[in-house]
Amino acid sequence: MDPAFTFTVDHLATDQALRLPCACRVRTFRRRTLIALAGRDARLHLIGLCRELWCSECGEPPFVGWVVQTEAESV
């Protein structure tokens, strides 16, 4: 099995996010948002199957995405 298929939301660093495109836009989900919507154990290669992440505008699931660095938040 390819090790890339074992990465979960919990593997993302606190300063990382996922950019997920659909038919009408690209949305950025921070790690904590993904944990709330999909759970820590949601596998990244299957994240598009989580209905909570489907676009409310066009109804499309995001099957392809990429990891990005987020800006540091001030406390």
PDB file of N, CA and C in Angstrom:
ATOM      1  N   MET A   1       0.844  -1.184   0.000  1.00  0.00           N
ATOM      2  CA  MET A   1       0.000   0.000   0.000  1.00  0.00           C
ATOM      3  C   MET A   1       0.885   1.241   0.000  1.00  0.00           C
ATOM      4  N   ASP A   2       0.483   2.214  -0.786  1.00  0.00           N
ATOM      5  CA  ASP A   2       1.199   3.484  -0.860  1.00  0.00           C
ATOM      6  C   ASP A   2       1.041   4.225   0.464  1.00  0.00           C
ATOM      7  N   PRO A   3       2.156   4.660   1.096  1.00  0.00           N
ATOM      8  CA  PRO A   3       2.053   5.360   2.384  1.00  0.00           C
ATOM      9  C   PRO A   3       1.240   6.650   2.308  1.00  0.00           C
ATOM     10  N   ALA A   4       1.139   7.259   1.132  1.00  0.00           N
ATOM     11  CA  ALA A   4       0.348   8.492   0.997  1.00  0.00           C
ATOM     12  C   ALA A   4      -1.125   8.245   1.322  1.00  0.00           C
ATOM     13  N   PHE A   5      -1.584   7.024   1.165  1.00  0.00           N
ATOM     14  CA  PHE A   5      -2.981   6.709   1.445  1.00  0.00           C
ATOM     15  C   PHE A   5      -3.276   6.586   2.937  1.00  0.00           C
ATOM     16  N   THR A   6      -2.269   6.685   3.773  1.00  0.00           N
ATOM     17  CA  THR A   6      -2.481   6.559   5.211  1.00  0.00           C
ATOM     18  C   THR A   6      -2.532   7.903   5.931  1.00  0.00           C
ATOM     19  N   PHE A   7      -2.266   9.011   5.228  1.00  0.00           N
ATOM     20  CA  PHE A   7      -2.285  10.325   5.874  1.00  0.00           C
ATOM     21  C   PHE A   7      -3.715  10.732   6.217  1.00  0.00           C
ATOM     22  N   THR A   8      -3.877  11.272   7.428  1.00  0.00           N
ATOM     23  CA  THR A   8      -5.176  11.718   7.904  1.00  0.00           C
ATOM     24  C   THR A   8      -5.131  13.218   8.195  1.00  0.00           C
ATOM     25  N   VAL A   9      -6.270  13.778   8.540  1.00  0.00           N
ATOM     26  CA  VAL A   9      -6.342  15.187   8.916  1.00  0.00           C
ATOM     27  C   VAL A   9      -5.412  15.454  10.096  1.00  0.00           C
ATOM     28  N   ASP A  10      -5.301  14.514  10.993  1.00  0.00           N
ATOM     29  CA  ASP A  10      -4.442  14.674  12.169  1.00  0.00           C
ATOM     30  C   ASP A  10      -2.965  14.811  11.791  1.00  0.00           C
ATOM     31  N   HIS A  11      -2.571  14.360  10.615  1.00  0.00           N
ATOM     32  CA  HIS A  11      -1.186  14.491  10.171  1.00  0.00           C
ATOM     33  C   HIS A  11      -0.841  15.909   9.720  1.00  0.00           C
ATOM     34  N   LEU A  12      -1.848  16.728   9.427  1.00  0.00           N
ATOM     35  CA  LEU A  12      -1.587  18.107   9.028  1.00  0.00           C
ATOM     36  C   LEU A  12      -1.004  18.885  10.207  1.00  0.00           C
ATOM     37  N   ALA A  13      -0.033  19.738   9.945  1.00  0.00           N
ATOM     38  CA  ALA A  13       0.510  20.608  10.982  1.00  0.00           C
ATOM     39  C   ALA A  13      -0.515  21.684  11.307  1.00  0.00           C
ATOM     40  N   THR A  14      -0.364  22.302  12.464  1.00  0.00           N
ATOM     41  CA  THR A  14      -1.331  23.324  12.874  1.00  0.00           C
ATOM     42  C   THR A  14      -1.321  24.531  11.949  1.00  0.00           C
ATOM     43  N   ASP A  15      -0.245  24.738  11.209  1.00  0.00           N
ATOM     44  CA  ASP A  15      -0.191  25.868  10.281  1.00  0.00           C
ATOM     45  C   ASP A  15      -0.467  25.449   8.830  1.00  0.00           C
ATOM     46  N   GLN A  16      -1.066  24.284   8.636  1.00  0.00           N
ATOM     47  CA  GLN A  16      -1.397  23.821   7.304  1.00  0.00           C
ATOM     48  C   GLN A  16      -2.908  23.797   7.106  1.00  0.00           C
ATOM     49  N   ALA A  17      -3.302  23.889   5.848  1.00  0.00           N
ATOM     50  CA  ALA A  17      -4.716  23.840   5.475  1.00  0.00           C
ATOM     51  C   ALA A  17      -4.831  23.080   4.162  1.00  0.00           C
ATOM     52  N   LEU A  18      -6.055  22.707   3.807  1.00  0.00           N
ATOM     53  CA  LEU A  18      -6.319  22.064   2.522  1.00  0.00           C
ATOM     54  C   LEU A  18      -7.089  23.024   1.640  1.00  0.00           C
ATOM     55  N   ARG A  19      -6.666  23.127   0.398  1.00  0.00           N
ATOM     56  CA  ARG A  19      -7.426  23.875  -0.601  1.00  0.00           C
ATOM     57  C   ARG A  19      -8.175  22.849  -1.428  1.00  0.00           C
ATOM     58  N   LEU A  20      -9.480  22.979  -1.463  1.00  0.00           N
ATOM     59  CA  LEU A  20     -10.327  22.018  -2.150  1.00  0.00           C
ATOM     60  C   LEU A  20     -11.171  22.730  -3.206  1.00  0.00           C
ATOM     61  N   PRO A  21     -10.955  22.415  -4.479  1.00  0.00           N
ATOM     62  CA  PRO A  21     -11.740  23.042  -5.538  1.00  0.00           C
ATOM     63  C   PRO A  21     -13.011  22.253  -5.844  1.00  0.00           C
ATOM     64  N   CYS A  22     -14.000  22.979  -6.326  1.00  0.00           N
ATOM     65  CA  CYS A  22     -15.217  22.352  -6.849  1.00  0.00           C
ATOM     66  C   CYS A  22     -15.466  22.979  -8.214  1.00  0.00           C
ATOM     67  N   ALA A  23     -16.647  22.883  -8.730  1.00  0.00           N
ATOM     68  CA  ALA A  23     -16.945  23.423 -10.052  1.00  0.00           C
ATOM     69  C   ALA A  23     -16.988  24.950 -10.069  1.00  0.00           C
ATOM     70  N   CYS A  24     -17.247  25.598  -8.917  1.00  0.00           N
ATOM     71  CA  CYS A  24     -17.446  27.051  -8.931  1.00  0.00           C
ATOM     72  C   CYS A  24     -16.403  27.858  -8.167  1.00  0.00           C
ATOM     73  N   ARG A  25     -15.573  27.229  -7.329  1.00  0.00           N
ATOM     74  CA  ARG A  25     -14.604  27.989  -6.532  1.00  0.00           C
ATOM     75  C   ARG A  25     -13.580  27.070  -5.881  1.00  0.00           C
ATOM     76  N   VAL A  26     -12.622  27.682  -5.198  1.00  0.00           N
ATOM     77  CA  VAL A  26     -11.644  26.947  -4.400  1.00  0.00           C
ATOM     78  C   VAL A  26     -11.792  27.430  -2.961  1.00  0.00           C
ATOM     79  N   ARG A  27     -12.001  26.493  -2.055  1.00  0.00           N
ATOM     80  CA  ARG A  27     -12.147  26.844  -0.643  1.00  0.00           C
ATOM     81  C   ARG A  27     -10.948  26.334   0.135  1.00  0.00           C
ATOM     82  N   THR A  28     -10.570  27.069   1.187  1.00  0.00           N
ATOM     83  CA  THR A  28      -9.457  26.682   2.047  1.00  0.00           C
ATOM     84  C   THR A  28     -10.020  26.281   3.402  1.00  0.00           C
ATOM     85  N   PHE A  29      -9.666  25.083   3.837  1.00  0.00           N
ATOM     86  CA  PHE A  29     -10.111  24.569   5.128  1.00  0.00           C
ATOM     87  C   PHE A  29      -8.902  24.417   6.042  1.00  0.00           C
ATOM     88  N   ARG A  30      -8.900  25.142   7.147  1.00  0.00           N
ATOM     89  CA  ARG A  30      -7.825  25.003   8.140  1.00  0.00           C
ATOM     90  C   ARG A  30      -7.966  23.652   8.839  1.00  0.00           C
ATOM     91  N   ARG A  31      -6.892  23.209   9.432  1.00  0.00           N
ATOM     92  CA  ARG A  31      -6.846  21.905  10.101  1.00  0.00           C
ATOM     93  C   ARG A  31      -7.973  21.768  11.128  1.00  0.00           C
ATOM     94  N   ARG A  32      -8.161  22.784  11.956  1.00  0.00           N
ATOM     95  CA  ARG A  32      -9.183  22.671  13.021  1.00  0.00           C
ATOM     96  C   ARG A  32     -10.595  22.584  12.440  1.00  0.00           C
ATOM     97  N   THR A  33     -10.825  23.232  11.306  1.00  0.00           N
ATOM     98  CA  THR A  33     -12.131  23.144  10.653  1.00  0.00           C
ATOM     99  C   THR A  33     -12.350  21.744  10.091  1.00  0.00           C
ATOM    100  N   LEU A  34     -11.310  21.180   9.483  1.00  0.00           N
ATOM    101  CA  LEU A  34     -11.417  19.814   8.963  1.00  0.00           C
ATOM    102  C   LEU A  34     -11.668  18.814  10.075  1.00  0.00           C
ATOM    103  N   ILE A  35     -11.029  19.022  11.223  1.00  0.00           N
ATOM    104  CA  ILE A  35     -11.254  18.132  12.368  1.00  0.00           C
ATOM    105  C   ILE A  35     -12.712  18.217  12.811  1.00  0.00           C
ATOM    106  N   ALA A  36     -13.257  19.433  12.856  1.00  0.00           N
ATOM    107  CA  ALA A  36     -14.650  19.609  13.274  1.00  0.00           C
ATOM    108  C   ALA A  36     -15.631  19.000  12.276  1.00  0.00           C
ATOM    109  N   LEU A  37     -15.334  19.127  10.980  1.00  0.00           N
ATOM    110  CA  LEU A  37     -16.268  18.649   9.950  1.00  0.00           C
ATOM    111  C   LEU A  37     -16.097  17.174   9.594  1.00  0.00           C
ATOM    112  N   ALA A  38     -14.848  16.726   9.504  1.00  0.00           N
ATOM    113  CA  ALA A  38     -14.597  15.365   9.018  1.00  0.00           C
ATOM    114  C   ALA A  38     -14.007  14.437  10.066  1.00  0.00           C
ATOM    115  N   GLY A  39     -13.393  14.988  11.105  1.00  0.00           N
ATOM    116  CA  GLY A  39     -12.776  14.175  12.143  1.00  0.00           C
ATOM    117  C   GLY A  39     -11.272  14.046  11.944  1.00  0.00           C
ATOM    118  N   ARG A  40     -10.560  13.794  13.022  1.00  0.00           N
ATOM    119  CA  ARG A  40      -9.099  13.657  12.982  1.00  0.00           C
ATOM    120  C   ARG A  40      -8.636  12.482  12.137  1.00  0.00           C
ATOM    121  N   ASP A  41      -9.431  11.441  12.102  1.00  0.00           N
ATOM    122  CA  ASP A  41      -9.010  10.217  11.417  1.00  0.00           C
ATOM    123  C   ASP A  41      -9.452  10.149   9.954  1.00  0.00           C
ATOM    124  N   ALA A  42     -10.021  11.231   9.422  1.00  0.00           N
ATOM    125  CA  ALA A  42     -10.443  11.247   8.011  1.00  0.00           C
ATOM    126  C   ALA A  42      -9.204  11.202   7.114  1.00  0.00           C
ATOM    127  N   ARG A  43      -9.172  10.230   6.226  1.00  0.00           N
ATOM    128  CA  ARG A  43      -8.017  10.092   5.332  1.00  0.00           C
ATOM    129  C   ARG A  43      -8.048  11.180   4.269  1.00  0.00           C
ATOM    130  N   LEU A  44      -6.883  11.798   4.051  1.00  0.00           N
ATOM    131  CA  LEU A  44      -6.811  12.933   3.131  1.00  0.00           C
ATOM    132  C   LEU A  44      -7.151  12.548   1.700  1.00  0.00           C
ATOM    133  N   HIS A  45      -6.806  11.337   1.276  1.00  0.00           N
ATOM    134  CA  HIS A  45      -7.097  10.966  -0.113  1.00  0.00           C
ATOM    135  C   HIS A  45      -8.582  10.670  -0.335  1.00  0.00           C
ATOM    136  N   LEU A  46      -9.358  10.578   0.738  1.00  0.00           N
ATOM    137  CA  LEU A  46     -10.800  10.340   0.629  1.00  0.00           C
ATOM    138  C   LEU A  46     -11.631  11.502   1.183  1.00  0.00           C
ATOM    139  N   ILE A  47     -10.993  12.622   1.482  1.00  0.00           N
ATOM    140  CA  ILE A  47     -11.662  13.721   2.160  1.00  0.00           C
ATOM    141  C   ILE A  47     -12.860  14.238   1.368  1.00  0.00           C
ATOM    142  N   GLY A  48     -12.820  14.131   0.058  1.00  0.00           N
ATOM    143  CA  GLY A  48     -13.922  14.594  -0.775  1.00  0.00           C
ATOM    144  C   GLY A  48     -15.202  13.802  -0.599  1.00  0.00           C
ATOM    145  N   LEU A  49     -15.132  12.639   0.015  1.00  0.00           N
ATOM    146  CA  LEU A  49     -16.332  11.837   0.262  1.00  0.00           C
ATOM    147  C   LEU A  49     -17.132  12.349   1.457  1.00  0.00           C
ATOM    148  N   CYS A  50     -16.531  13.224   2.257  1.00  0.00           N
ATOM    149  CA  CYS A  50     -17.213  13.774   3.426  1.00  0.00           C
ATOM    150  C   CYS A  50     -18.237  14.814   2.964  1.00  0.00           C
ATOM    151  N   ARG A  51     -19.508  14.534   3.101  1.00  0.00           N
ATOM    152  CA  ARG A  51     -20.578  15.396   2.576  1.00  0.00           C
ATOM    153  C   ARG A  51     -20.543  16.803   3.171  1.00  0.00           C
ATOM    154  N   GLU A  52     -20.004  16.954   4.370  1.00  0.00           N
ATOM    155  CA  GLU A  52     -19.918  18.267   4.998  1.00  0.00           C
ATOM    156  C   GLU A  52     -18.984  19.206   4.234  1.00  0.00           C
ATOM    157  N   LEU A  53     -18.095  18.658   3.403  1.00  0.00           N
ATOM    158  CA  LEU A  53     -17.154  19.473   2.635  1.00  0.00           C
ATOM    159  C   LEU A  53     -17.622  19.749   1.215  1.00  0.00           C
ATOM    160  N   TRP A  54     -18.746  19.197   0.818  1.00  0.00           N
ATOM    161  CA  TRP A  54     -19.271  19.448  -0.525  1.00  0.00           C
ATOM    162  C   TRP A  54     -19.730  20.892  -0.615  1.00  0.00           C
ATOM    163  N   CYS A  55     -19.613  21.471  -1.771  1.00  0.00           N
ATOM    164  CA  CYS A  55     -19.959  22.874  -1.995  1.00  0.00           C
ATOM    165  C   CYS A  55     -21.463  23.087  -1.849  1.00  0.00           C
ATOM    166  N   SER A  56     -21.837  24.127  -1.102  1.00  0.00           N
ATOM    167  CA  SER A  56     -23.260  24.439  -0.939  1.00  0.00           C
ATOM    168  C   SER A  56     -23.817  25.194  -2.148  1.00  0.00           C
ATOM    169  N   GLU A  57     -22.936  25.736  -2.976  1.00  0.00           N
ATOM    170  CA  GLU A  57     -23.378  26.490  -4.162  1.00  0.00           C
ATOM    171  C   GLU A  57     -23.666  25.561  -5.350  1.00  0.00           C
ATOM    172  N   CYS A  58     -22.665  24.756  -5.736  1.00  0.00           N
ATOM    173  CA  CYS A  58     -22.825  23.915  -6.934  1.00  0.00           C
ATOM    174  C   CYS A  58     -23.116  22.447  -6.595  1.00  0.00           C
ATOM    175  N   GLY A  59     -22.930  22.058  -5.327  1.00  0.00           N
ATOM    176  CA  GLY A  59     -23.211  20.685  -4.912  1.00  0.00           C
ATOM    177  C   GLY A  59     -22.135  19.677  -5.276  1.00  0.00           C
ATOM    178  N   GLU A  60     -21.011  20.150  -5.810  1.00  0.00           N
ATOM    179  CA  GLU A  60     -19.946  19.248  -6.239  1.00  0.00           C
ATOM    180  C   GLU A  60     -19.038  18.843  -5.074  1.00  0.00           C
ATOM    181  N   PRO A  61     -18.583  17.589  -5.055  1.00  0.00           N
ATOM    182  CA  PRO A  61     -17.615  17.164  -4.053  1.00  0.00           C
ATOM    183  C   PRO A  61     -16.209  17.554  -4.489  1.00  0.00           C
ATOM    184  N   PRO A  62     -15.338  17.881  -3.545  1.00  0.00           N
ATOM    185  CA  PRO A  62     -13.950  18.214  -3.878  1.00  0.00           C
ATOM    186  C   PRO A  62     -13.090  16.955  -3.858  1.00  0.00           C
ATOM    187  N   PHE A  63     -12.772  16.396  -5.013  1.00  0.00           N
ATOM    188  CA  PHE A  63     -11.986  15.170  -5.034  1.00  0.00           C
ATOM    189  C   PHE A  63     -10.496  15.394  -5.189  1.00  0.00           C
ATOM    190  N   VAL A  64     -10.084  16.575  -5.621  1.00  0.00           N
ATOM    191  CA  VAL A  64      -8.666  16.871  -5.770  1.00  0.00           C
ATOM    192  C   VAL A  64      -8.373  18.111  -4.954  1.00  0.00           C
ATOM    193  N   GLY A  65      -7.319  18.075  -4.172  1.00  0.00           N
ATOM    194  CA  GLY A  65      -6.957  19.238  -3.370  1.00  0.00           C
ATOM    195  C   GLY A  65      -5.472  19.263  -3.118  1.00  0.00           C
ATOM    196  N   TRP A  66      -5.024  20.258  -2.390  1.00  0.00           N
ATOM    197  CA  TRP A  66      -3.607  20.358  -2.074  1.00  0.00           C
ATOM    198  C   TRP A  66      -3.428  21.014  -0.716  1.00  0.00           C
ATOM    199  N   VAL A  67      -2.276  20.735  -0.095  1.00  0.00           N
ATOM    200  CA  VAL A  67      -1.937  21.269   1.224  1.00  0.00           C
ATOM    201  C   VAL A  67      -1.231  22.606   1.028  1.00  0.00           C
ATOM    202  N   VAL A  68      -1.600  23.591   1.852  1.00  0.00           N
ATOM    203  CA  VAL A  68      -0.979  24.915   1.814  1.00  0.00           C
ATOM    204  C   VAL A  68      -0.608  25.335   3.232  1.00  0.00           C
ATOM    205  N   GLN A  69       0.335  26.248   3.320  1.00  0.00           N
ATOM    206  CA  GLN A  69       0.698  26.848   4.599  1.00  0.00           C
ATOM    207  C   GLN A  69      -0.271  27.995   4.863  1.00  0.00           C
ATOM    208  N   THR A  70      -0.664  28.171   6.108  1.00  0.00           N
ATOM    209  CA  THR A  70      -1.524  29.286   6.485  1.00  0.00           C
ATOM    210  C   THR A  70      -0.693  30.303   7.244  1.00  0.00           C
ATOM    211  N   GLU A  71      -1.182  31.522   7.268  1.00  0.00           N
ATOM    212  CA  GLU A  71      -0.496  32.564   8.012  1.00  0.00           C
ATOM    213  C   GLU A  71      -0.711  32.348   9.505  1.00  0.00           C
ATOM    214  N   ALA A  72       0.290  32.744  10.292  1.00  0.00           N
ATOM    215  CA  ALA A  72       0.188  32.600  11.735  1.00  0.00           C
ATOM    216  C   ALA A  72      -0.895  33.515  12.273  1.00  0.00           C
ATOM    217  N   GLU A  73      -1.644  33.024  13.239  1.00  0.00           N
ATOM    218  CA  GLU A  73      -2.687  33.803  13.841  1.00  0.00           C
ATOM    219  C   GLU A  73      -2.131  34.519  15.063  1.00  0.00           C
ATOM    220  N   SER A  74      -2.556  35.728  15.276  1.00  0.00           N
ATOM    221  CA  SER A  74      -2.141  36.443  16.492  1.00  0.00           C
ATOM    222  C   SER A  74      -3.035  36.019  17.641  1.00  0.00           C
ATOM    223  N   VAL A  75      -2.442  35.915  18.818  1.00  0.00           N
ATOM    224  CA  VAL A  75      -3.195  35.452  19.980  1.00  0.00           C
ATOM    225  C   VAL A  75      -3.514  36.607  20.889  1.00  0.00           C
TER     226      VAL A  75
END
